[in-house]
């Protein structure tokens, strides 16, 4: 079967190895197995596995992630960081993936709106000119367009305890009947234009690779390298009110004030005005009066 999207010519140039699957159970599961199996040496740092038909996709906290064939991309990237990157810096990897995807989605949205000529018609008054549609990272690893989720990211450590597979599920052309939740969207719904899948994927892979290289060169120091500031700049969660559902079932509510050296979100609680670092949880953005 011929590969779609022009064979992903641009994306292939951004990967050490690029594999397309007509169908996959979960690209994270399959790439993890390949990168840990007998032929692991054939899967180097920067290898990528992609499909638009995922039959057993997984999201955060064990959730299932399913989508109609041909309307989303499931993307998994293999990272084999150098020994100079300490394990306690690995918490930044999904955040860097989110930052890279935020930039790629912004580029796709702006390109689509430019093609529609929105700046020259009545829609411009509604804020549809390039740059007017807001695209943000929602901590820890969702990408939102106009407040709706267009991409989710899931990172998993391999059995060697050094390699990581970073998966992303990007909604390309889902319509309102396909959406998995009321808080989801797609690039098509956000812009009215079917995206160039190869372009947005290539932008993501290029940006992610560059950010990971910066983190490794800095020995994992995200703050000193400026990477933490770069993530915060793209993160619409910071500076706003949040409710965080923690893995133990408890709930934390307050203001998100920043990120610590490990990439944990710092929340100043409403209950006792204490600053608490949160490593994992489901975040809801709140509006305080």
C-alpha atoms as a PDB file:
ATOM      1  CA  UNK A   1       0.000   0.000   0.000  1.00  0.00           C
ATOM      2  CA  UNK A   2       1.349   3.427  -0.950  1.00  0.00           C
ATOM      3  CA  UNK A   3       2.155   5.668   1.985  1.00  0.00           C
ATOM      4  CA  UNK A   4      -0.109   8.692   2.404  1.00  0.00           C
ATOM      5  CA  UNK A   5       0.928  12.325   2.778  1.00  0.00           C
ATOM      6  CA  UNK A   6       3.471  12.138  -0.026  1.00  0.00           C
ATOM      7  CA  UNK A   7       5.483   9.495   1.772  1.00  0.00           C
ATOM      8  CA  UNK A   8       6.417  11.969   4.535  1.00  0.00           C
ATOM      9  CA  UNK A   9       9.453  13.167   2.614  1.00  0.00           C
ATOM     10  CA  UNK A  10      10.134  16.113   4.930  1.00  0.00           C
ATOM     11  CA  UNK A  11       9.510  14.138   8.095  1.00  0.00           C
ATOM     12  CA  UNK A  12      11.905  11.396   7.031  1.00  0.00           C
ATOM     13  CA  UNK A  13      14.715  13.935   6.884  1.00  0.00           C
ATOM     14  CA  UNK A  14      14.122  14.739  10.567  1.00  0.00           C
ATOM     15  CA  UNK A  15      14.386  11.137  11.812  1.00  0.00           C
ATOM     16  CA  UNK A  16      17.304   8.736  12.118  1.00  0.00           C
ATOM     17  CA  UNK A  17      14.877   6.024  11.070  1.00  0.00           C
ATOM     18  CA  UNK A  18      11.289   6.599   9.949  1.00  0.00           C
ATOM     19  CA  UNK A  19       8.739   3.775   9.770  1.00  0.00           C
ATOM     20  CA  UNK A  20       5.138   4.096   8.599  1.00  0.00           C
ATOM     21  CA  UNK A  21       2.565   1.491   9.630  1.00  0.00           C
ATOM     22  CA  UNK A  22      -0.751   1.082   7.806  1.00  0.00           C
ATOM     23  CA  UNK A  23      -2.027  -0.111  11.195  1.00  0.00           C
ATOM     24  CA  UNK A  24      -0.598  -0.407  14.685  1.00  0.00           C
ATOM     25  CA  UNK A  25      -1.961  -1.498  18.023  1.00  0.00           C
ATOM     26  CA  UNK A  26      -0.129   1.302  19.831  1.00  0.00           C
ATOM     27  CA  UNK A  27       2.875   3.025  18.305  1.00  0.00           C
ATOM     28  CA  UNK A  28       4.362   3.416  21.783  1.00  0.00           C
ATOM     29  CA  UNK A  29       3.943  -0.284  22.527  1.00  0.00           C
ATOM     30  CA  UNK A  30       5.292  -1.385  19.165  1.00  0.00           C
ATOM     31  CA  UNK A  31       8.275   0.969  19.152  1.00  0.00           C
ATOM     32  CA  UNK A  32       9.127   0.039  22.743  1.00  0.00           C
ATOM     33  CA  UNK A  33       9.171  -3.645  21.795  1.00  0.00           C
ATOM     34  CA  UNK A  34      11.298  -3.027  18.709  1.00  0.00           C
ATOM     35  CA  UNK A  35      13.751  -0.823  20.605  1.00  0.00           C
ATOM     36  CA  UNK A  36      14.130  -3.411  23.373  1.00  0.00           C
ATOM     37  CA  UNK A  37      14.143  -6.609  21.337  1.00  0.00           C
ATOM     38  CA  UNK A  38      16.786  -8.678  19.574  1.00  0.00           C
ATOM     39  CA  UNK A  39      17.103  -6.075  16.810  1.00  0.00           C
ATOM     40  CA  UNK A  40      17.287  -3.109  19.196  1.00  0.00           C
ATOM     41  CA  UNK A  41      20.499  -1.844  17.603  1.00  0.00           C
ATOM     42  CA  UNK A  42      18.606  -1.116  14.403  1.00  0.00           C
ATOM     43  CA  UNK A  43      16.479   1.437  16.266  1.00  0.00           C
ATOM     44  CA  UNK A  44      18.735   4.390  17.099  1.00  0.00           C
ATOM     45  CA  UNK A  45      18.107   7.583  18.978  1.00  0.00           C
ATOM     46  CA  UNK A  46      15.618   9.632  16.980  1.00  0.00           C
ATOM     47  CA  UNK A  47      13.822   6.693  15.347  1.00  0.00           C
ATOM     48  CA  UNK A  48      10.148   7.374  14.625  1.00  0.00           C
ATOM     49  CA  UNK A  49       7.101   5.117  14.177  1.00  0.00           C
ATOM     50  CA  UNK A  50       3.884   6.622  12.728  1.00  0.00           C
ATOM     51  CA  UNK A  51       0.399   5.435  11.786  1.00  0.00           C
ATOM     52  CA  UNK A  52      -3.029   6.908  11.095  1.00  0.00           C
ATOM     53  CA  UNK A  53      -4.803   3.729  12.253  1.00  0.00           C
ATOM     54  CA  UNK A  54      -4.149   2.807  15.876  1.00  0.00           C
ATOM     55  CA  UNK A  55      -6.313   0.031  17.277  1.00  0.00           C
ATOM     56  CA  UNK A  56      -5.231   0.002  20.929  1.00  0.00           C
ATOM     57  CA  UNK A  57      -3.864   3.447  21.610  1.00  0.00           C
ATOM     58  CA  UNK A  58      -3.187   4.496  25.179  1.00  0.00           C
ATOM     59  CA  UNK A  59      -3.377   7.861  26.846  1.00  0.00           C
ATOM     60  CA  UNK A  60      -2.243   9.085  30.218  1.00  0.00           C
ATOM     61  CA  UNK A  61      -3.354   7.280  33.389  1.00  0.00           C
ATOM     62  CA  UNK A  62      -4.177   4.122  31.427  1.00  0.00           C
ATOM     63  CA  UNK A  63      -6.914   5.662  29.303  1.00  0.00           C
ATOM     64  CA  UNK A  64      -7.661   4.245  25.854  1.00  0.00           C
ATOM     65  CA  UNK A  65      -7.138   6.479  22.833  1.00  0.00           C
ATOM     66  CA  UNK A  66      -9.072   5.583  19.688  1.00  0.00           C
ATOM     67  CA  UNK A  67      -9.787   7.566  16.525  1.00  0.00           C
ATOM     68  CA  UNK A  68     -11.202   6.973  13.031  1.00  0.00           C
ATOM     69  CA  UNK A  69      -8.728   5.752  10.421  1.00  0.00           C
ATOM     70  CA  UNK A  70      -6.947   8.449   8.447  1.00  0.00           C
ATOM     71  CA  UNK A  71      -8.004  11.384  10.613  1.00  0.00           C
ATOM     72  CA  UNK A  72      -5.249  11.437  13.226  1.00  0.00           C
ATOM     73  CA  UNK A  73      -1.558  10.703  13.495  1.00  0.00           C
ATOM     74  CA  UNK A  74      -0.097   8.500  16.219  1.00  0.00           C
ATOM     75  CA  UNK A  75       3.587   9.403  16.458  1.00  0.00           C
ATOM     76  CA  UNK A  76       6.207   7.725  18.643  1.00  0.00           C
ATOM     77  CA  UNK A  77       9.791   8.959  18.931  1.00  0.00           C
ATOM     78  CA  UNK A  78      12.607   6.908  20.461  1.00  0.00           C
ATOM     79  CA  UNK A  79      15.089   8.787  22.631  1.00  0.00           C
ATOM     80  CA  UNK A  80      18.359   7.227  23.729  1.00  0.00           C
ATOM     81  CA  UNK A  81      19.815  10.154  25.686  1.00  0.00           C
ATOM     82  CA  UNK A  82      23.570  10.341  26.339  1.00  0.00           C
ATOM     83  CA  UNK A  83      24.902   9.525  29.778  1.00  0.00           C
ATOM     84  CA  UNK A  84      25.399  13.256  30.316  1.00  0.00           C
ATOM     85  CA  UNK A  85      21.641  13.593  30.757  1.00  0.00           C
ATOM     86  CA  UNK A  86      20.807  12.530  34.333  1.00  0.00           C
ATOM     87  CA  UNK A  87      17.693  10.501  34.987  1.00  0.00           C
ATOM     88  CA  UNK A  88      16.246  13.223  37.206  1.00  0.00           C
ATOM     89  CA  UNK A  89      16.059  15.455  34.104  1.00  0.00           C
ATOM     90  CA  UNK A  90      13.863  12.978  32.196  1.00  0.00           C
ATOM     91  CA  UNK A  91      10.751  14.689  33.532  1.00  0.00           C
ATOM     92  CA  UNK A  92      11.472  17.468  31.053  1.00  0.00           C
ATOM     93  CA  UNK A  93      11.238  15.197  28.010  1.00  0.00           C
ATOM     94  CA  UNK A  94       7.418  15.165  27.708  1.00  0.00           C
ATOM     95  CA  UNK A  95       7.354  18.906  28.401  1.00  0.00           C
ATOM     96  CA  UNK A  96       9.844  19.502  25.606  1.00  0.00           C
ATOM     97  CA  UNK A  97       7.747  17.329  23.313  1.00  0.00           C
ATOM     98  CA  UNK A  98       4.743  19.437  24.246  1.00  0.00           C
ATOM     99  CA  UNK A  99       6.636  22.649  23.555  1.00  0.00           C
ATOM    100  CA  UNK A 100       7.774  21.361  20.162  1.00  0.00           C
ATOM    101  CA  UNK A 101       4.265  20.227  19.256  1.00  0.00           C
ATOM    102  CA  UNK A 102       2.849  23.582  20.369  1.00  0.00           C
ATOM    103  CA  UNK A 103       5.161  25.342  17.928  1.00  0.00           C
ATOM    104  CA  UNK A 104       4.347  22.886  15.140  1.00  0.00           C
ATOM    105  CA  UNK A 105       0.594  23.261  15.670  1.00  0.00           C
ATOM    106  CA  UNK A 106       0.886  27.061  15.788  1.00  0.00           C
ATOM    107  CA  UNK A 107       2.684  26.944  12.475  1.00  0.00           C
ATOM    108  CA  UNK A 108       0.029  24.689  10.960  1.00  0.00           C
ATOM    109  CA  UNK A 109      -2.807  26.857  12.230  1.00  0.00           C
ATOM    110  CA  UNK A 110      -1.236  30.063  10.958  1.00  0.00           C
ATOM    111  CA  UNK A 111      -0.447  28.486   7.572  1.00  0.00           C
ATOM    112  CA  UNK A 112      -4.022  27.268   7.217  1.00  0.00           C
ATOM    113  CA  UNK A 113      -5.530  30.615   8.136  1.00  0.00           C
ATOM    114  CA  UNK A 114      -3.195  32.389   5.761  1.00  0.00           C
ATOM    115  CA  UNK A 115      -4.339  30.103   2.948  1.00  0.00           C
ATOM    116  CA  UNK A 116      -7.973  30.944   3.611  1.00  0.00           C
ATOM    117  CA  UNK A 117      -7.223  34.649   3.292  1.00  0.00           C
ATOM    118  CA  UNK A 118      -8.922  35.268   6.633  1.00  0.00           C
ATOM    119  CA  UNK A 119      -7.047  38.511   7.119  1.00  0.00           C
ATOM    120  CA  UNK A 120      -8.776  39.948   4.042  1.00  0.00           C
ATOM    121  CA  UNK A 121     -12.376  39.090   4.779  1.00  0.00           C
ATOM    122  CA  UNK A 122     -15.000  39.539   7.451  1.00  0.00           C
ATOM    123  CA  UNK A 123     -13.661  36.627   9.474  1.00  0.00           C
ATOM    124  CA  UNK A 124     -10.640  38.741  10.396  1.00  0.00           C
ATOM    125  CA  UNK A 125     -12.883  40.767  12.671  1.00  0.00           C
ATOM    126  CA  UNK A 126     -13.591  37.561  14.584  1.00  0.00           C
ATOM    127  CA  UNK A 127      -9.870  37.016  15.180  1.00  0.00           C
ATOM    128  CA  UNK A 128      -9.151  34.489  12.453  1.00  0.00           C
ATOM    129  CA  UNK A 129      -6.101  36.210  10.979  1.00  0.00           C
ATOM    130  CA  UNK A 130      -2.801  34.291  11.286  1.00  0.00           C
ATOM    131  CA  UNK A 131      -1.493  34.548  14.841  1.00  0.00           C
ATOM    132  CA  UNK A 132      -4.909  35.307  16.306  1.00  0.00           C
ATOM    133  CA  UNK A 133      -5.944  31.739  17.169  1.00  0.00           C
ATOM    134  CA  UNK A 134      -4.377  30.820  20.502  1.00  0.00           C
ATOM    135  CA  UNK A 135      -2.323  27.635  20.696  1.00  0.00           C
ATOM    136  CA  UNK A 136      -0.901  26.686  24.080  1.00  0.00           C
ATOM    137  CA  UNK A 137       0.681  23.862  25.993  1.00  0.00           C
ATOM    138  CA  UNK A 138      -1.454  22.664  28.875  1.00  0.00           C
ATOM    139  CA  UNK A 139       0.728  21.191  31.597  1.00  0.00           C
ATOM    140  CA  UNK A 140       1.914  18.523  31.573  1.00  0.00           C
ATOM    141  CA  UNK A 141       1.556  17.493  27.926  1.00  0.00           C
ATOM    142  CA  UNK A 142      -1.610  18.467  26.084  1.00  0.00           C
ATOM    143  CA  UNK A 143      -1.676  20.991  23.245  1.00  0.00           C
ATOM    144  CA  UNK A 144      -4.767  23.203  23.025  1.00  0.00           C
ATOM    145  CA  UNK A 145      -6.141  25.310  20.190  1.00  0.00           C
ATOM    146  CA  UNK A 146      -8.635  27.941  21.337  1.00  0.00           C
ATOM    147  CA  UNK A 147      -8.900  26.012  24.611  1.00  0.00           C
ATOM    148  CA  UNK A 148      -9.643  22.631  22.998  1.00  0.00           C
ATOM    149  CA  UNK A 149      -7.292  19.653  22.958  1.00  0.00           C
ATOM    150  CA  UNK A 150      -5.713  18.871  19.614  1.00  0.00           C
ATOM    151  CA  UNK A 151      -2.838  16.686  20.816  1.00  0.00           C
ATOM    152  CA  UNK A 152      -1.895  14.565  23.817  1.00  0.00           C
ATOM    153  CA  UNK A 153       1.540  13.216  24.714  1.00  0.00           C
ATOM    154  CA  UNK A 154       2.555  10.075  26.611  1.00  0.00           C
ATOM    155  CA  UNK A 155       6.156   9.213  27.558  1.00  0.00           C
ATOM    156  CA  UNK A 156       7.303   5.783  28.697  1.00  0.00           C
ATOM    157  CA  UNK A 157      10.645   4.568  30.040  1.00  0.00           C
ATOM    158  CA  UNK A 158      12.023   1.420  28.403  1.00  0.00           C
ATOM    159  CA  UNK A 159      13.272  -1.601  30.386  1.00  0.00           C
ATOM    160  CA  UNK A 160      16.890  -0.455  30.083  1.00  0.00           C
ATOM    161  CA  UNK A 161      15.891   2.498  32.311  1.00  0.00           C
ATOM    162  CA  UNK A 162      17.719   4.915  29.998  1.00  0.00           C
ATOM    163  CA  UNK A 163      15.744   4.960  26.744  1.00  0.00           C
ATOM    164  CA  UNK A 164      12.374   6.671  26.391  1.00  0.00           C
ATOM    165  CA  UNK A 165       9.538   6.457  23.885  1.00  0.00           C
ATOM    166  CA  UNK A 166       7.545   9.666  23.536  1.00  0.00           C
ATOM    167  CA  UNK A 167       4.151   9.235  21.902  1.00  0.00           C
ATOM    168  CA  UNK A 168       1.891  11.951  20.525  1.00  0.00           C
ATOM    169  CA  UNK A 169      -1.643  11.691  19.200  1.00  0.00           C
ATOM    170  CA  UNK A 170      -2.447  14.585  16.850  1.00  0.00           C
ATOM    171  CA  UNK A 171      -5.990  15.241  15.629  1.00  0.00           C
ATOM    172  CA  UNK A 172      -5.778  16.140  11.944  1.00  0.00           C
ATOM    173  CA  UNK A 173      -9.200  16.032  10.281  1.00  0.00           C
ATOM    174  CA  UNK A 174     -11.659  14.803  12.899  1.00  0.00           C
ATOM    175  CA  UNK A 175     -15.089  16.405  12.506  1.00  0.00           C
ATOM    176  CA  UNK A 176     -17.466  17.171  15.345  1.00  0.00           C
ATOM    177  CA  UNK A 177     -18.966  13.676  15.169  1.00  0.00           C
ATOM    178  CA  UNK A 178     -15.554  12.016  15.587  1.00  0.00           C
ATOM    179  CA  UNK A 179     -14.323  13.914  18.632  1.00  0.00           C
ATOM    180  CA  UNK A 180     -13.561  11.715  21.658  1.00  0.00           C
ATOM    181  CA  UNK A 181     -14.604  14.387  24.175  1.00  0.00           C
ATOM    182  CA  UNK A 182     -16.432  17.704  24.259  1.00  0.00           C
ATOM    183  CA  UNK A 183     -13.117  19.399  25.024  1.00  0.00           C
ATOM    184  CA  UNK A 184     -11.339  18.081  21.907  1.00  0.00           C
ATOM    185  CA  UNK A 185     -10.791  19.578  18.465  1.00  0.00           C
ATOM    186  CA  UNK A 186      -8.796  18.951  15.298  1.00  0.00           C
ATOM    187  CA  UNK A 187      -6.681  21.103  13.029  1.00  0.00           C
ATOM    188  CA  UNK A 188      -9.453  20.935  10.431  1.00  0.00           C
ATOM    189  CA  UNK A 189     -12.104  22.113  12.887  1.00  0.00           C
ATOM    190  CA  UNK A 190      -9.855  24.860  14.255  1.00  0.00           C
ATOM    191  CA  UNK A 191      -9.035  26.333  10.856  1.00  0.00           C
ATOM    192  CA  UNK A 192     -11.501  25.013   8.288  1.00  0.00           C
ATOM    193  CA  UNK A 193      -8.549  23.671   6.282  1.00  0.00           C
ATOM    194  CA  UNK A 194      -7.141  20.132   6.131  1.00  0.00           C
ATOM    195  CA  UNK A 195      -3.549  20.378   7.419  1.00  0.00           C
ATOM    196  CA  UNK A 196      -0.356  19.393   5.642  1.00  0.00           C
ATOM    197  CA  UNK A 197       0.399  16.381   7.838  1.00  0.00           C
ATOM    198  CA  UNK A 198       3.969  15.996   6.610  1.00  0.00           C
ATOM    199  CA  UNK A 199       4.753  19.643   7.317  1.00  0.00           C
ATOM    200  CA  UNK A 200       3.407  19.645  10.865  1.00  0.00           C
ATOM    201  CA  UNK A 201       5.090  16.322  11.671  1.00  0.00           C
ATOM    202  CA  UNK A 202       8.430  17.477  10.262  1.00  0.00           C
ATOM    203  CA  UNK A 203       8.213  20.700  12.274  1.00  0.00           C
ATOM    204  CA  UNK A 204       7.482  18.724  15.433  1.00  0.00           C
ATOM    205  CA  UNK A 205      10.340  16.267  14.944  1.00  0.00           C
ATOM    206  CA  UNK A 206      12.831  19.023  14.113  1.00  0.00           C
ATOM    207  CA  UNK A 207      11.819  21.143  17.081  1.00  0.00           C
ATOM    208  CA  UNK A 208      11.740  18.244  19.540  1.00  0.00           C
ATOM    209  CA  UNK A 209      15.171  17.022  18.462  1.00  0.00           C
ATOM    210  CA  UNK A 210      16.643  20.490  18.928  1.00  0.00           C
ATOM    211  CA  UNK A 211      15.142  20.934  22.403  1.00  0.00           C
ATOM    212  CA  UNK A 212      16.345  17.516  23.611  1.00  0.00           C
ATOM    213  CA  UNK A 213      19.833  18.288  22.284  1.00  0.00           C
ATOM    214  CA  UNK A 214      19.872  21.538  24.262  1.00  0.00           C
ATOM    215  CA  UNK A 215      18.840  19.705  27.434  1.00  0.00           C
ATOM    216  CA  UNK A 216      21.582  17.106  26.977  1.00  0.00           C
ATOM    217  CA  UNK A 217      24.214  19.766  26.241  1.00  0.00           C
ATOM    218  CA  UNK A 218      23.209  21.527  29.457  1.00  0.00           C
ATOM    219  CA  UNK A 219      23.602  18.325  31.474  1.00  0.00           C
ATOM    220  CA  UNK A 220      19.890  18.331  32.254  1.00  0.00           C
ATOM    221  CA  UNK A 221      19.835  21.892  33.612  1.00  0.00           C
ATOM    222  CA  UNK A 222      16.563  23.106  32.119  1.00  0.00           C
ATOM    223  CA  UNK A 223      16.571  26.318  34.118  1.00  0.00           C
ATOM    224  CA  UNK A 224      20.136  27.392  33.387  1.00  0.00           C
ATOM    225  CA  UNK A 225      19.807  26.516  29.706  1.00  0.00           C
ATOM    226  CA  UNK A 226      16.670  28.613  29.315  1.00  0.00           C
ATOM    227  CA  UNK A 227      14.556  25.603  28.375  1.00  0.00           C
ATOM    228  CA  UNK A 228      12.322  25.989  31.420  1.00  0.00           C
ATOM    229  CA  UNK A 229      11.576  29.567  30.394  1.00  0.00           C
ATOM    230  CA  UNK A 230      10.838  28.400  26.849  1.00  0.00           C
ATOM    231  CA  UNK A 231       8.327  25.858  28.146  1.00  0.00           C
ATOM    232  CA  UNK A 232       6.702  28.380  30.488  1.00  0.00           C
ATOM    233  CA  UNK A 233       6.369  30.849  27.609  1.00  0.00           C
ATOM    234  CA  UNK A 234       4.319  28.282  25.676  1.00  0.00           C
ATOM    235  CA  UNK A 235       2.357  26.998  28.678  1.00  0.00           C
ATOM    236  CA  UNK A 236      -1.073  28.519  29.102  1.00  0.00           C
ATOM    237  CA  UNK A 237      -1.414  26.836  32.494  1.00  0.00           C
ATOM    238  CA  UNK A 238       1.190  29.016  34.207  1.00  0.00           C
ATOM    239  CA  UNK A 239      -0.201  32.176  35.733  1.00  0.00           C
ATOM    240  CA  UNK A 240      -3.768  30.940  35.918  1.00  0.00           C
ATOM    241  CA  UNK A 241      -6.103  29.213  38.318  1.00  0.00           C
ATOM    242  CA  UNK A 242      -6.067  25.416  38.251  1.00  0.00           C
ATOM    243  CA  UNK A 243      -7.743  22.412  39.753  1.00  0.00           C
ATOM    244  CA  UNK A 244      -5.476  19.356  39.793  1.00  0.00           C
ATOM    245  CA  UNK A 245      -6.869  15.852  40.275  1.00  0.00           C
ATOM    246  CA  UNK A 246      -3.952  13.962  41.795  1.00  0.00           C
ATOM    247  CA  UNK A 247      -3.245  10.259  41.164  1.00  0.00           C
ATOM    248  CA  UNK A 248      -4.305   9.391  44.734  1.00  0.00           C
ATOM    249  CA  UNK A 249      -7.794  10.769  44.094  1.00  0.00           C
ATOM    250  CA  UNK A 250      -7.386  14.010  46.020  1.00  0.00           C
ATOM    251  CA  UNK A 251      -7.849  17.453  44.472  1.00  0.00           C
ATOM    252  CA  UNK A 252      -5.645  20.518  44.682  1.00  0.00           C
ATOM    253  CA  UNK A 253      -6.850  23.997  43.735  1.00  0.00           C
ATOM    254  CA  UNK A 254      -4.897  27.214  43.440  1.00  0.00           C
ATOM    255  CA  UNK A 255      -2.733  29.352  41.162  1.00  0.00           C
ATOM    256  CA  UNK A 256      -0.097  27.800  38.904  1.00  0.00           C
ATOM    257  CA  UNK A 257       2.985  29.927  39.496  1.00  0.00           C
ATOM    258  CA  UNK A 258       5.751  28.150  37.580  1.00  0.00           C
ATOM    259  CA  UNK A 259       7.807  25.017  37.129  1.00  0.00           C
ATOM    260  CA  UNK A 260      10.549  23.666  39.391  1.00  0.00           C
ATOM    261  CA  UNK A 261      13.906  22.253  38.325  1.00  0.00           C
ATOM    262  CA  UNK A 262      12.317  18.857  37.540  1.00  0.00           C
ATOM    263  CA  UNK A 263       9.456  20.244  35.463  1.00  0.00           C
ATOM    264  CA  UNK A 264       6.860  19.833  38.203  1.00  0.00           C
ATOM    265  CA  UNK A 265       4.162  22.482  38.283  1.00  0.00           C
ATOM    266  CA  UNK A 266       4.188  24.777  41.321  1.00  0.00           C
ATOM    267  CA  UNK A 267       0.702  25.493  42.647  1.00  0.00           C
ATOM    268  CA  UNK A 268      -0.026  28.016  45.388  1.00  0.00           C
ATOM    269  CA  UNK A 269      -3.011  26.477  47.125  1.00  0.00           C
ATOM    270  CA  UNK A 270      -6.139  28.471  47.870  1.00  0.00           C
ATOM    271  CA  UNK A 271      -6.660  26.555  51.094  1.00  0.00           C
ATOM    272  CA  UNK A 272      -3.478  27.529  52.946  1.00  0.00           C
ATOM    273  CA  UNK A 273      -1.469  29.724  50.534  1.00  0.00           C
ATOM    274  CA  UNK A 274       1.323  27.115  50.411  1.00  0.00           C
ATOM    275  CA  UNK A 275       3.423  26.423  47.311  1.00  0.00           C
ATOM    276  CA  UNK A 276       3.138  22.756  46.330  1.00  0.00           C
ATOM    277  CA  UNK A 277       5.033  20.933  43.581  1.00  0.00           C
ATOM    278  CA  UNK A 278       2.910  18.516  41.531  1.00  0.00           C
ATOM    279  CA  UNK A 279       4.543  15.815  39.404  1.00  0.00           C
ATOM    280  CA  UNK A 280       1.420  14.314  37.818  1.00  0.00           C
ATOM    281  CA  UNK A 281      -2.293  14.972  37.665  1.00  0.00           C
ATOM    282  CA  UNK A 282      -5.238  16.008  35.508  1.00  0.00           C
ATOM    283  CA  UNK A 283      -5.380  19.795  35.264  1.00  0.00           C
ATOM    284  CA  UNK A 284      -8.480  21.905  34.716  1.00  0.00           C
ATOM    285  CA  UNK A 285      -7.971  25.584  33.977  1.00  0.00           C
ATOM    286  CA  UNK A 286     -10.089  27.817  36.201  1.00  0.00           C
ATOM    287  CA  UNK A 287     -11.168  31.422  36.063  1.00  0.00           C
ATOM    288  CA  UNK A 288     -11.056  33.215  39.371  1.00  0.00           C
ATOM    289  CA  UNK A 289     -13.082  36.337  39.919  1.00  0.00           C
END
